[in-house]
Amino acid sequence: MRRIYESDALGRDDDDPHAPAERDDEGRIGALRSVPAAALSDRLVPHALRRRFVSVDVETPRREYAVGEAVQFTVTFRNRVPFPVSIRTASPLPWIWTVDGDVEAAAATVSLRDPPDEPGRFAFDRGERKRFRRRWNGLFRVTDSEWAPPEPGTHVIGAAVNVANAEGKGLTAETTVRIVE
């Protein structure tokens, strides 16, 4: 097929819609698409550097909410480099969110999920931005069947990649909201 395009067998005309146009991809390398870039970067980029390439951000549309009102928030993870990056996580859950340190607003003694102890991966394509929208229902879990509203004041909504010492590795972010009567 390449011989046909490189020969004069086809008449090329930019004005005729039924004739092929001039090729403009002469200098482009097509073979790189077959290289598994994610696997290659996993082998070449050290884990400590991979963590530095990922940023975390937490945003809320408002700063004040009434007691018991649901709080919408957005968590954004971004790969800041032009090549794929993956981070090993402590479990198959790639990230977690907290309210005042309680995972998903559950009391520390009540577990919402029991993920397996096997590691997982949080993978990003080159320059990829992953955005997750969550909602805190404005309540804290006290027991399996009982929920209590928070005290009025400021509360911290945070998100972190599910790795050991995420804060020390720069893989966390927080925002504060004010709960009013």
Protein backbone atom coordinates (compact mmCIF):
# COMPACT_ATOMS: atom_id res chain seq x y z
CA MET A 1 0.00 0.00 0.00
CA ARG A 2 2.86 2.34 0.75
CA ARG A 3 4.24 1.95 -2.77
CA ILE A 4 1.00 3.28 -4.23
CA TYR A 5 1.17 6.44 -2.12
CA GLU A 6 4.86 7.04 -2.87
CA SER A 7 4.46 6.46 -6.60
CA ASP A 8 2.71 8.66 -9.10
CA ALA A 9 -0.01 6.03 -9.61
CA LEU A 10 -2.52 8.21 -7.77
CA GLY A 11 -3.27 11.68 -8.93
CA ARG A 12 -3.25 14.05 -5.98
CA ASP A 13 -5.30 17.21 -5.99
CA ASP A 14 -6.19 19.36 -2.97
CA ASP A 15 -9.14 20.93 -4.79
CA ASP A 16 -10.79 17.67 -5.93
CA PRO A 17 -12.74 16.07 -3.02
CA HIS A 18 -12.47 12.59 -4.56
CA ALA A 19 -8.68 12.61 -5.08
CA PRO A 20 -6.27 12.03 -2.18
CA ALA A 21 -4.56 15.13 -0.81
CA GLU A 22 -0.85 15.53 -0.23
CA ARG A 23 0.47 13.61 2.76
CA ASP A 24 1.72 15.80 5.58
CA ASP A 25 2.86 13.12 8.04
CA GLU A 26 6.21 12.38 6.40
CA GLY A 27 8.29 13.15 9.51
CA ARG A 28 6.01 11.44 12.02
CA ILE A 29 7.16 8.26 13.71
CA GLY A 30 4.37 5.70 13.77
CA ALA A 31 6.19 2.89 15.56
CA LEU A 32 6.02 4.50 19.03
CA ARG A 33 2.32 3.74 19.32
CA SER A 34 3.14 0.04 19.73
CA VAL A 35 5.43 0.61 22.73
CA PRO A 36 3.54 -0.01 26.01
CA ALA A 37 4.31 3.37 27.53
CA ALA A 38 2.76 2.57 30.93
CA ALA A 39 4.86 -0.57 31.37
CA LEU A 40 7.95 1.26 30.16
CA SER A 41 7.51 4.13 32.62
CA ASP A 42 6.85 1.62 35.44
CA ARG A 43 10.25 0.09 34.78
CA LEU A 44 12.17 3.33 34.24
CA VAL A 45 10.69 5.79 36.75
CA PRO A 46 11.42 5.18 40.47
CA HIS A 47 8.42 5.02 42.82
CA ALA A 48 9.54 8.06 44.81
CA LEU A 49 9.49 10.19 41.66
CA ARG A 50 6.13 8.88 40.48
CA ARG A 51 4.47 10.19 43.64
CA ARG A 52 5.84 13.66 42.99
CA PHE A 53 4.24 13.76 39.55
CA VAL A 54 0.67 13.34 40.87
CA SER A 55 -1.20 16.26 42.43
CA VAL A 56 -4.39 16.14 44.52
CA ASP A 57 -7.02 18.86 44.92
CA VAL A 58 -10.35 19.05 46.81
CA GLU A 59 -12.98 21.69 45.99
CA THR A 60 -16.48 22.56 47.21
CA PRO A 61 -18.89 24.88 45.40
CA ARG A 62 -19.63 26.81 48.61
CA ARG A 63 -17.91 27.43 51.93
CA GLU A 64 -21.00 27.41 54.20
CA TYR A 65 -23.67 24.74 54.66
CA ALA A 66 -26.58 24.33 57.06
CA VAL A 67 -26.57 21.53 59.64
CA GLY A 68 -27.71 18.30 57.95
CA GLU A 69 -27.30 19.71 54.42
CA ALA A 70 -25.40 17.56 51.94
CA VAL A 71 -21.96 18.86 50.95
CA GLN A 72 -20.96 18.28 47.34
CA PHE A 73 -17.23 18.18 46.66
CA THR A 74 -14.89 17.35 43.80
CA VAL A 75 -11.57 15.52 44.13
CA THR A 76 -9.12 15.95 41.27
CA PHE A 77 -5.99 13.86 40.72
CA ARG A 78 -3.62 15.02 37.98
CA ASN A 79 -0.54 13.56 36.35
CA ARG A 80 1.69 16.59 35.71
CA VAL A 81 4.15 14.90 33.34
CA PRO A 82 3.85 13.98 29.65
CA PHE A 83 4.26 10.23 30.20
CA PRO A 84 2.12 7.59 31.97
CA VAL A 85 2.56 7.09 35.71
CA SER A 86 1.14 4.55 38.13
CA ILE A 87 1.28 4.48 41.92
CA ARG A 88 1.08 1.31 43.99
CA THR A 89 -1.75 1.51 46.51
CA ALA A 90 -2.30 -0.34 49.79
CA SER A 91 -5.49 -1.98 48.50
CA PRO A 92 -7.55 -2.09 45.30
CA LEU A 93 -9.26 1.14 46.50
CA PRO A 94 -7.11 3.80 44.80
CA TRP A 95 -8.08 6.73 47.04
CA ILE A 96 -10.10 7.63 50.14
CA TRP A 97 -11.91 10.71 51.42
CA THR A 98 -12.36 11.87 55.00
CA VAL A 99 -14.31 14.39 57.06
CA ASP A 100 -12.43 15.51 60.17
CA GLY A 101 -10.27 12.39 59.85
CA ASP A 102 -13.17 9.92 59.69
CA VAL A 103 -13.11 7.88 56.48
CA GLU A 104 -16.21 8.70 54.45
CA ALA A 105 -17.66 10.36 57.60
CA ALA A 106 -17.85 7.04 59.42
CA ALA A 107 -16.64 6.74 62.98
CA ALA A 108 -13.28 5.04 63.29
CA THR A 109 -14.88 2.02 64.98
CA VAL A 110 -17.43 1.45 62.19
CA SER A 111 -15.98 0.13 58.94
CA LEU A 112 -17.83 0.97 55.73
CA ARG A 113 -15.65 -1.23 53.58
CA ASP A 114 -13.24 -4.01 54.28
CA PRO A 115 -10.88 -3.96 51.30
CA PRO A 116 -8.54 -6.91 50.79
CA ASP A 117 -4.94 -6.58 51.94
CA GLU A 118 -3.63 -7.04 48.42
CA PRO A 119 -1.97 -4.05 46.72
CA GLY A 120 -3.50 -2.18 43.81
CA ARG A 121 -2.54 0.50 41.29
CA PHE A 122 -3.72 4.03 40.58
CA ALA A 123 -2.74 4.54 36.93
CA PHE A 124 -2.64 7.79 34.96
CA ASP A 125 -2.12 8.33 31.27
CA ARG A 126 0.20 11.15 30.19
CA GLY A 127 -1.12 14.45 31.50
CA GLU A 128 -4.35 12.77 32.61
CA ARG A 129 -6.72 14.44 35.05
CA LYS A 130 -9.14 12.23 37.02
CA ARG A 131 -12.08 14.01 38.60
CA PHE A 132 -14.43 12.39 41.14
CA ARG A 133 -17.58 13.97 42.51
CA ARG A 134 -18.69 12.87 45.97
CA ARG A 135 -21.27 13.94 48.50
CA TRP A 136 -21.00 14.03 52.27
CA ASN A 137 -24.55 13.72 53.59
CA GLY A 138 -23.75 16.11 56.45
CA LEU A 139 -23.86 13.40 59.11
CA PHE A 140 -21.35 11.32 61.05
CA ARG A 141 -21.87 7.60 61.55
CA VAL A 142 -22.06 6.71 65.25
CA THR A 143 -23.10 3.05 65.03
CA ASP A 144 -24.13 0.73 62.20
CA SER A 145 -27.65 2.19 62.21
CA GLU A 146 -27.24 5.61 63.87
CA TRP A 147 -26.05 8.87 62.31
CA ALA A 148 -25.54 12.21 64.07
CA PRO A 149 -25.29 15.75 62.69
CA PRO A 150 -21.97 17.56 63.11
CA GLU A 151 -21.44 20.38 65.56
CA PRO A 152 -21.65 23.85 63.98
CA GLY A 153 -18.20 25.17 63.08
CA THR A 154 -15.47 24.37 60.59
CA HIS A 155 -14.93 20.86 59.30
CA VAL A 156 -12.17 19.53 57.07
CA ILE A 157 -12.90 17.44 53.97
CA GLY A 158 -9.81 15.64 52.76
CA ALA A 159 -8.77 13.19 50.07
CA ALA A 160 -5.68 11.03 49.73
CA VAL A 161 -4.20 8.39 47.49
CA ASN A 162 -4.47 5.08 49.36
CA VAL A 163 -0.77 4.70 50.25
CA ALA A 164 1.05 4.50 53.56
CA ASN A 165 1.98 7.97 54.86
CA ALA A 166 0.14 9.75 52.02
CA GLU A 167 0.53 13.12 53.75
CA GLY A 168 4.31 12.76 54.00
CA LYS A 169 4.45 11.82 50.32
CA GLY A 170 2.38 14.82 49.21
CA LEU A 171 -0.57 12.76 48.01
CA THR A 172 -3.29 14.48 50.09
CA ALA A 173 -5.41 17.61 49.87
CA GLU A 174 -7.97 19.27 52.14
CA THR A 175 -10.58 21.97 52.11
CA THR A 176 -12.61 23.43 54.96
CA VAL A 177 -16.34 24.02 55.11
CA ARG A 178 -18.31 25.85 57.74
CA ILE A 179 -21.46 24.24 59.16
CA VAL A 180 -23.95 26.83 60.45
CA GLU A 181 -27.33 26.57 62.26
